[in-house]
Amino acid sequence: MKFSAIITKEDKIFVALCPELNVVSQGDDENNALENLKEAVSLFLEDEDVKEVIKNIFPAKLYSIEIPA
């Protein structure tokens, strides 16, 4: 399965978010945050009924919006 990952830097740590599942993790660098997010998503899916989770997520659409400054 493929999911999205959004990584931001907050002070000295990197925060990784999987928006489809609302799962978050962190790490010392981008790669570490991404690996930790993969593990967190895997653990999340172990505890949930995967078919039900997938049914509620897909077909989700990701849009970019622009707000005037």
PDB file of N, CA and C in Angstrom:
ATOM      1  N   MET A   1       0.838  -1.182   0.000  1.00  0.00           N
ATOM      2  CA  MET A   1       0.000   0.000   0.000  1.00  0.00           C
ATOM      3  C   MET A   1       0.877   1.237   0.000  1.00  0.00           C
ATOM      4  N   LYS A   2       0.398   2.271  -0.642  1.00  0.00           N
ATOM      5  CA  LYS A   2       1.120   3.535  -0.666  1.00  0.00           C
ATOM      6  C   LYS A   2       0.310   4.601   0.049  1.00  0.00           C
ATOM      7  N   PHE A   3       0.986   5.381   0.866  1.00  0.00           N
ATOM      8  CA  PHE A   3       0.394   6.504   1.575  1.00  0.00           C
ATOM      9  C   PHE A   3       1.290   7.717   1.397  1.00  0.00           C
ATOM     10  N   SER A   4       0.773   8.874   1.705  1.00  0.00           N
ATOM     11  CA  SER A   4       1.548  10.113   1.628  1.00  0.00           C
ATOM     12  C   SER A   4       2.307  10.345   2.917  1.00  0.00           C
ATOM     13  N   ALA A   5       3.384  11.107   2.805  1.00  0.00           N
ATOM     14  CA  ALA A   5       4.145  11.526   3.982  1.00  0.00           C
ATOM     15  C   ALA A   5       4.482  13.000   3.830  1.00  0.00           C
ATOM     16  N   ILE A   6       4.207  13.762   4.860  1.00  0.00           N
ATOM     17  CA  ILE A   6       4.551  15.177   4.899  1.00  0.00           C
ATOM     18  C   ILE A   6       5.560  15.343   6.018  1.00  0.00           C
ATOM     19  N   ILE A   7       6.716  15.908   5.691  1.00  0.00           N
ATOM     20  CA  ILE A   7       7.768  16.074   6.694  1.00  0.00           C
ATOM     21  C   ILE A   7       8.037  17.556   6.886  1.00  0.00           C
ATOM     22  N   THR A   8       8.019  17.979   8.138  1.00  0.00           N
ATOM     23  CA  THR A   8       8.329  19.358   8.500  1.00  0.00           C
ATOM     24  C   THR A   8       9.409  19.357   9.568  1.00  0.00           C
ATOM     25  N   LYS A   9      10.117  20.470   9.674  1.00  0.00           N
ATOM     26  CA  LYS A   9      11.144  20.600  10.703  1.00  0.00           C
ATOM     27  C   LYS A   9      10.615  21.499  11.807  1.00  0.00           C
ATOM     28  N   GLU A  10      10.697  21.012  13.032  1.00  0.00           N
ATOM     29  CA  GLU A  10      10.285  21.780  14.193  1.00  0.00           C
ATOM     30  C   GLU A  10      11.452  21.817  15.163  1.00  0.00           C
ATOM     31  N   ASP A  11      12.062  22.977  15.292  1.00  0.00           N
ATOM     32  CA  ASP A  11      13.270  23.139  16.095  1.00  0.00           C
ATOM     33  C   ASP A  11      14.338  22.168  15.606  1.00  0.00           C
ATOM     34  N   LYS A  12      14.725  21.193  16.435  1.00  0.00           N
ATOM     35  CA  LYS A  12      15.815  20.282  16.076  1.00  0.00           C
ATOM     36  C   LYS A  12      15.329  18.912  15.614  1.00  0.00           C
ATOM     37  N   ILE A  13      14.018  18.717  15.518  1.00  0.00           N
ATOM     38  CA  ILE A  13      13.496  17.419  15.096  1.00  0.00           C
ATOM     39  C   ILE A  13      12.682  17.555  13.807  1.00  0.00           C
ATOM     40  N   PHE A  14      12.540  16.452  13.118  1.00  0.00           N
ATOM     41  CA  PHE A  14      11.711  16.395  11.918  1.00  0.00           C
ATOM     42  C   PHE A  14      10.450  15.609  12.264  1.00  0.00           C
ATOM     43  N   VAL A  15       9.310  16.148  11.881  1.00  0.00           N
ATOM     44  CA  VAL A  15       8.020  15.528  12.157  1.00  0.00           C
ATOM     45  C   VAL A  15       7.463  15.005  10.845  1.00  0.00           C
ATOM     46  N   ALA A  16       7.042  13.754  10.847  1.00  0.00           N
ATOM     47  CA  ALA A  16       6.486  13.112   9.659  1.00  0.00           C
ATOM     48  C   ALA A  16       5.026  12.762   9.914  1.00  0.00           C
ATOM     49  N   LEU A  17       4.167  13.134   8.981  1.00  0.00           N
ATOM     50  CA  LEU A  17       2.730  12.903   9.085  1.00  0.00           C
ATOM     51  C   LEU A  17       2.244  12.105   7.894  1.00  0.00           C
ATOM     52  N   CYS A  18       1.455  11.089   8.156  1.00  0.00           N
ATOM     53  CA  CYS A  18       0.723  10.380   7.110  1.00  0.00           C
ATOM     54  C   CYS A  18      -0.708  10.925   7.169  1.00  0.00           C
ATOM     55  N   PRO A  19      -1.073  11.850   6.257  1.00  0.00           N
ATOM     56  CA  PRO A  19      -2.375  12.508   6.374  1.00  0.00           C
ATOM     57  C   PRO A  19      -3.579  11.588   6.165  1.00  0.00           C
ATOM     58  N   GLU A  20      -3.426  10.541   5.378  1.00  0.00           N
ATOM     59  CA  GLU A  20      -4.559   9.640   5.148  1.00  0.00           C
ATOM     60  C   GLU A  20      -4.982   8.917   6.420  1.00  0.00           C
ATOM     61  N   LEU A  21      -4.018   8.616   7.272  1.00  0.00           N
ATOM     62  CA  LEU A  21      -4.311   7.861   8.489  1.00  0.00           C
ATOM     63  C   LEU A  21      -4.225   8.713   9.749  1.00  0.00           C
ATOM     64  N   ASN A  22      -3.749   9.950   9.595  1.00  0.00           N
ATOM     65  CA  ASN A  22      -3.517  10.847  10.724  1.00  0.00           C
ATOM     66  C   ASN A  22      -2.551  10.220  11.737  1.00  0.00           C
ATOM     67  N   VAL A  23      -1.493   9.623  11.207  1.00  0.00           N
ATOM     68  CA  VAL A  23      -0.440   9.015  12.020  1.00  0.00           C
ATOM     69  C   VAL A  23       0.788   9.912  11.927  1.00  0.00           C
ATOM     70  N   VAL A  24       1.417  10.160  13.079  1.00  0.00           N
ATOM     71  CA  VAL A  24       2.561  11.065  13.141  1.00  0.00           C
ATOM     72  C   VAL A  24       3.724  10.365  13.832  1.00  0.00           C
ATOM     73  N   SER A  25       4.927  10.697  13.388  1.00  0.00           N
ATOM     74  CA  SER A  25       6.143  10.224  14.037  1.00  0.00           C
ATOM     75  C   SER A  25       7.186  11.323  13.909  1.00  0.00           C
ATOM     76  N   GLN A  26       8.373  11.067  14.429  1.00  0.00           N
ATOM     77  CA  GLN A  26       9.432  12.072  14.360  1.00  0.00           C
ATOM     78  C   GLN A  26      10.787  11.399  14.288  1.00  0.00           C
ATOM     79  N   GLY A  27      11.805  12.201  13.976  1.00  0.00           N
ATOM     80  CA  GLY A  27      13.162  11.685  13.913  1.00  0.00           C
ATOM     81  C   GLY A  27      14.168  12.814  13.933  1.00  0.00           C
ATOM     82  N   ASP A  28      15.447  12.427  14.035  1.00  0.00           N
ATOM     83  CA  ASP A  28      16.527  13.410  14.093  1.00  0.00           C
ATOM     84  C   ASP A  28      16.823  14.040  12.737  1.00  0.00           C
ATOM     85  N   ASP A  29      16.462  13.339  11.645  1.00  0.00           N
ATOM     86  CA  ASP A  29      16.618  13.873  10.296  1.00  0.00           C
ATOM     87  C   ASP A  29      15.443  13.378   9.458  1.00  0.00           C
ATOM     88  N   GLU A  30      15.366  13.838   8.212  1.00  0.00           N
ATOM     89  CA  GLU A  30      14.227  13.474   7.367  1.00  0.00           C
ATOM     90  C   GLU A  30      14.116  11.967   7.154  1.00  0.00           C
ATOM     91  N   ASN A  31      15.230  11.316   6.870  1.00  0.00           N
ATOM     92  CA  ASN A  31      15.196   9.867   6.635  1.00  0.00           C
ATOM     93  C   ASN A  31      14.756   9.108   7.870  1.00  0.00           C
ATOM     94  N   ASN A  32      15.256   9.512   9.032  1.00  0.00           N
ATOM     95  CA  ASN A  32      14.884   8.870  10.289  1.00  0.00           C
ATOM     96  C   ASN A  32      13.399   9.075  10.577  1.00  0.00           C
ATOM     97  N   ALA A  33      12.903  10.288  10.331  1.00  0.00           N
ATOM     98  CA  ALA A  33      11.480  10.567  10.548  1.00  0.00           C
ATOM     99  C   ALA A  33      10.618   9.725   9.617  1.00  0.00           C
ATOM    100  N   LEU A  34      11.045   9.586   8.363  1.00  0.00           N
ATOM    101  CA  LEU A  34      10.296   8.790   7.397  1.00  0.00           C
ATOM    102  C   LEU A  34      10.286   7.311   7.779  1.00  0.00           C
ATOM    103  N   GLU A  35      11.426   6.782   8.193  1.00  0.00           N
ATOM    104  CA  GLU A  35      11.482   5.379   8.629  1.00  0.00           C
ATOM    105  C   GLU A  35      10.609   5.158   9.865  1.00  0.00           C
ATOM    106  N   ASN A  36      10.646   6.095  10.800  1.00  0.00           N
ATOM    107  CA  ASN A  36       9.809   5.977  12.000  1.00  0.00           C
ATOM    108  C   ASN A  36       8.329   6.052  11.645  1.00  0.00           C
ATOM    109  N   LEU A  37       7.991   6.876  10.640  1.00  0.00           N
ATOM    110  CA  LEU A  37       6.595   6.957  10.207  1.00  0.00           C
ATOM    111  C   LEU A  37       6.154   5.646   9.574  1.00  0.00           C
ATOM    112  N   LYS A  38       7.015   5.044   8.761  1.00  0.00           N
ATOM    113  CA  LYS A  38       6.674   3.742   8.164  1.00  0.00           C
ATOM    114  C   LYS A  38       6.362   2.723   9.253  1.00  0.00           C
ATOM    115  N   GLU A  39       7.184   2.698  10.285  1.00  0.00           N
ATOM    116  CA  GLU A  39       6.948   1.766  11.388  1.00  0.00           C
ATOM    117  C   GLU A  39       5.638   2.088  12.106  1.00  0.00           C
ATOM    118  N   ALA A  40       5.383   3.370  12.344  1.00  0.00           N
ATOM    119  CA  ALA A  40       4.151   3.771  13.035  1.00  0.00           C
ATOM    120  C   ALA A  40       2.916   3.407  12.220  1.00  0.00           C
ATOM    121  N   VAL A  41       2.975   3.602  10.905  1.00  0.00           N
ATOM    122  CA  VAL A  41       1.849   3.246  10.044  1.00  0.00           C
ATOM    123  C   VAL A  41       1.646   1.734  10.052  1.00  0.00           C
ATOM    124  N   SER A  42       2.719   0.977   9.980  1.00  0.00           N
ATOM    125  CA  SER A  42       2.611  -0.487  10.027  1.00  0.00           C
ATOM    126  C   SER A  42       1.958  -0.950  11.318  1.00  0.00           C
ATOM    127  N   LEU A  43       2.373  -0.364  12.420  1.00  0.00           N
ATOM    128  CA  LEU A  43       1.790  -0.724  13.717  1.00  0.00           C
ATOM    129  C   LEU A  43       0.322  -0.316  13.786  1.00  0.00           C
ATOM    130  N   PHE A  44       0.000   0.842  13.255  1.00  0.00           N
ATOM    131  CA  PHE A  44      -1.388   1.289  13.233  1.00  0.00           C
ATOM    132  C   PHE A  44      -2.256   0.306  12.460  1.00  0.00           C
ATOM    133  N   LEU A  45      -1.782  -0.107  11.295  1.00  0.00           N
ATOM    134  CA  LEU A  45      -2.564  -1.013  10.468  1.00  0.00           C
ATOM    135  C   LEU A  45      -2.686  -2.404  11.078  1.00  0.00           C
ATOM    136  N   GLU A  46      -1.735  -2.792  11.931  1.00  0.00           N
ATOM    137  CA  GLU A  46      -1.851  -4.077  12.632  1.00  0.00           C
ATOM    138  C   GLU A  46      -3.013  -4.061  13.611  1.00  0.00           C
ATOM    139  N   ASP A  47      -3.274  -2.901  14.218  1.00  0.00           N
ATOM    140  CA  ASP A  47      -4.299  -2.787  15.252  1.00  0.00           C
ATOM    141  C   ASP A  47      -5.687  -2.468  14.714  1.00  0.00           C
ATOM    142  N   GLU A  48      -5.781  -2.134  13.464  1.00  0.00           N
ATOM    143  CA  GLU A  48      -7.063  -1.762  12.873  1.00  0.00           C
ATOM    144  C   GLU A  48      -7.505  -2.816  11.866  1.00  0.00           C
ATOM    145  N   ASP A  49      -8.797  -2.843  11.593  1.00  0.00           N
ATOM    146  CA  ASP A  49      -9.304  -3.671  10.506  1.00  0.00           C
ATOM    147  C   ASP A  49      -8.890  -2.986   9.210  1.00  0.00           C
ATOM    148  N   VAL A  50      -7.853  -3.507   8.556  1.00  0.00           N
ATOM    149  CA  VAL A  50      -7.252  -2.852   7.391  1.00  0.00           C
ATOM    150  C   VAL A  50      -8.286  -2.590   6.304  1.00  0.00           C
ATOM    151  N   LYS A  51      -9.160  -3.524   6.045  1.00  0.00           N
ATOM    152  CA  LYS A  51     -10.158  -3.320   4.999  1.00  0.00           C
ATOM    153  C   LYS A  51     -11.065  -2.140   5.331  1.00  0.00           C
ATOM    154  N   GLU A  52     -11.427  -1.990   6.568  1.00  0.00           N
ATOM    155  CA  GLU A  52     -12.281  -0.874   6.980  1.00  0.00           C
ATOM    156  C   GLU A  52     -11.528   0.450   6.876  1.00  0.00           C
ATOM    157  N   VAL A  53     -10.271   0.445   7.268  1.00  0.00           N
ATOM    158  CA  VAL A  53      -9.444   1.652   7.165  1.00  0.00           C
ATOM    159  C   VAL A  53      -9.330   2.072   5.703  1.00  0.00           C
ATOM    160  N   ILE A  54      -8.990   1.132   4.835  1.00  0.00           N
ATOM    161  CA  ILE A  54      -8.818   1.428   3.419  1.00  0.00           C
ATOM    162  C   ILE A  54     -10.136   1.926   2.813  1.00  0.00           C
ATOM    163  N   LYS A  55     -11.244   1.306   3.180  1.00  0.00           N
ATOM    164  CA  LYS A  55     -12.547   1.708   2.651  1.00  0.00           C
ATOM    165  C   LYS A  55     -12.848   3.162   3.003  1.00  0.00           C
ATOM    166  N   ASN A  56     -12.454   3.597   4.196  1.00  0.00           N
ATOM    167  CA  ASN A  56     -12.726   4.958   4.626  1.00  0.00           C
ATOM    168  C   ASN A  56     -11.757   5.971   4.032  1.00  0.00           C
ATOM    169  N   ILE A  57     -10.613   5.528   3.556  1.00  0.00           N
ATOM    170  CA  ILE A  57      -9.599   6.445   3.044  1.00  0.00           C
ATOM    171  C   ILE A  57      -9.722   6.639   1.547  1.00  0.00           C
ATOM    172  N   PHE A  58      -9.824   5.556   0.819  1.00  0.00           N
ATOM    173  CA  PHE A  58      -9.786   5.628  -0.630  1.00  0.00           C
ATOM    174  C   PHE A  58     -11.183   5.554  -1.194  1.00  0.00           C
ATOM    175  N   PRO A  59     -11.559   6.283  -2.182  1.00  0.00           N
ATOM    176  CA  PRO A  59     -10.670   7.112  -2.991  1.00  0.00           C
ATOM    177  C   PRO A  59     -10.555   8.530  -2.426  1.00  0.00           C
ATOM    178  N   ALA A  60      -9.610   8.754  -1.571  1.00  0.00           N
ATOM    179  CA  ALA A  60      -9.342  10.097  -1.065  1.00  0.00           C
ATOM    180  C   ALA A  60      -8.620  10.896  -2.140  1.00  0.00           C
ATOM    181  N   LYS A  61      -8.802  12.177  -2.115  1.00  0.00           N
ATOM    182  CA  LYS A  61      -8.127  13.049  -3.067  1.00  0.00           C
ATOM    183  C   LYS A  61      -7.327  14.077  -2.280  1.00  0.00           C
ATOM    184  N   LEU A  62      -6.123  14.333  -2.743  1.00  0.00           N
ATOM    185  CA  LEU A  62      -5.263  15.320  -2.119  1.00  0.00           C
ATOM    186  C   LEU A  62      -5.243  16.551  -3.008  1.00  0.00           C
ATOM    187  N   TYR A  63      -5.622  17.669  -2.450  1.00  0.00           N
ATOM    188  CA  TYR A  63      -5.651  18.925  -3.195  1.00  0.00           C
ATOM    189  C   TYR A  63      -4.664  19.903  -2.570  1.00  0.00           C
ATOM    190  N   SER A  64      -4.161  20.797  -3.375  1.00  0.00           N
ATOM    191  CA  SER A  64      -3.391  21.944  -2.884  1.00  0.00           C
ATOM    192  C   SER A  64      -4.306  23.150  -2.988  1.00  0.00           C
ATOM    193  N   ILE A  65      -4.311  23.962  -1.946  1.00  0.00           N
ATOM    194  CA  ILE A  65      -5.113  25.180  -1.979  1.00  0.00           C
ATOM    195  C   ILE A  65      -4.182  26.362  -1.779  1.00  0.00           C
ATOM    196  N   GLU A  66      -4.552  27.470  -2.361  1.00  0.00           N
ATOM    197  CA  GLU A  66      -3.751  28.682  -2.232  1.00  0.00           C
ATOM    198  C   GLU A  66      -4.599  29.753  -1.570  1.00  0.00           C
ATOM    199  N   ILE A  67      -4.070  30.334  -0.511  1.00  0.00           N
ATOM    200  CA  ILE A  67      -4.764  31.378   0.230  1.00  0.00           C
ATOM    201  C   ILE A  67      -3.997  32.679   0.016  1.00  0.00           C
ATOM    202  N   PRO A  68      -4.673  33.746  -0.413  1.00  0.00           N
ATOM    203  CA  PRO A  68      -3.958  35.007  -0.599  1.00  0.00           C
ATOM    204  C   PRO A  68      -3.343  35.498   0.717  1.00  0.00           C
ATOM    205  N   ALA A  69      -2.155  36.050   0.635  1.00  0.00           N
ATOM    206  CA  ALA A  69      -1.451  36.527   1.831  1.00  0.00           C
ATOM    207  C   ALA A  69      -2.014  37.849   2.302  1.00  0.00           C
TER     208      ALA A  69
END
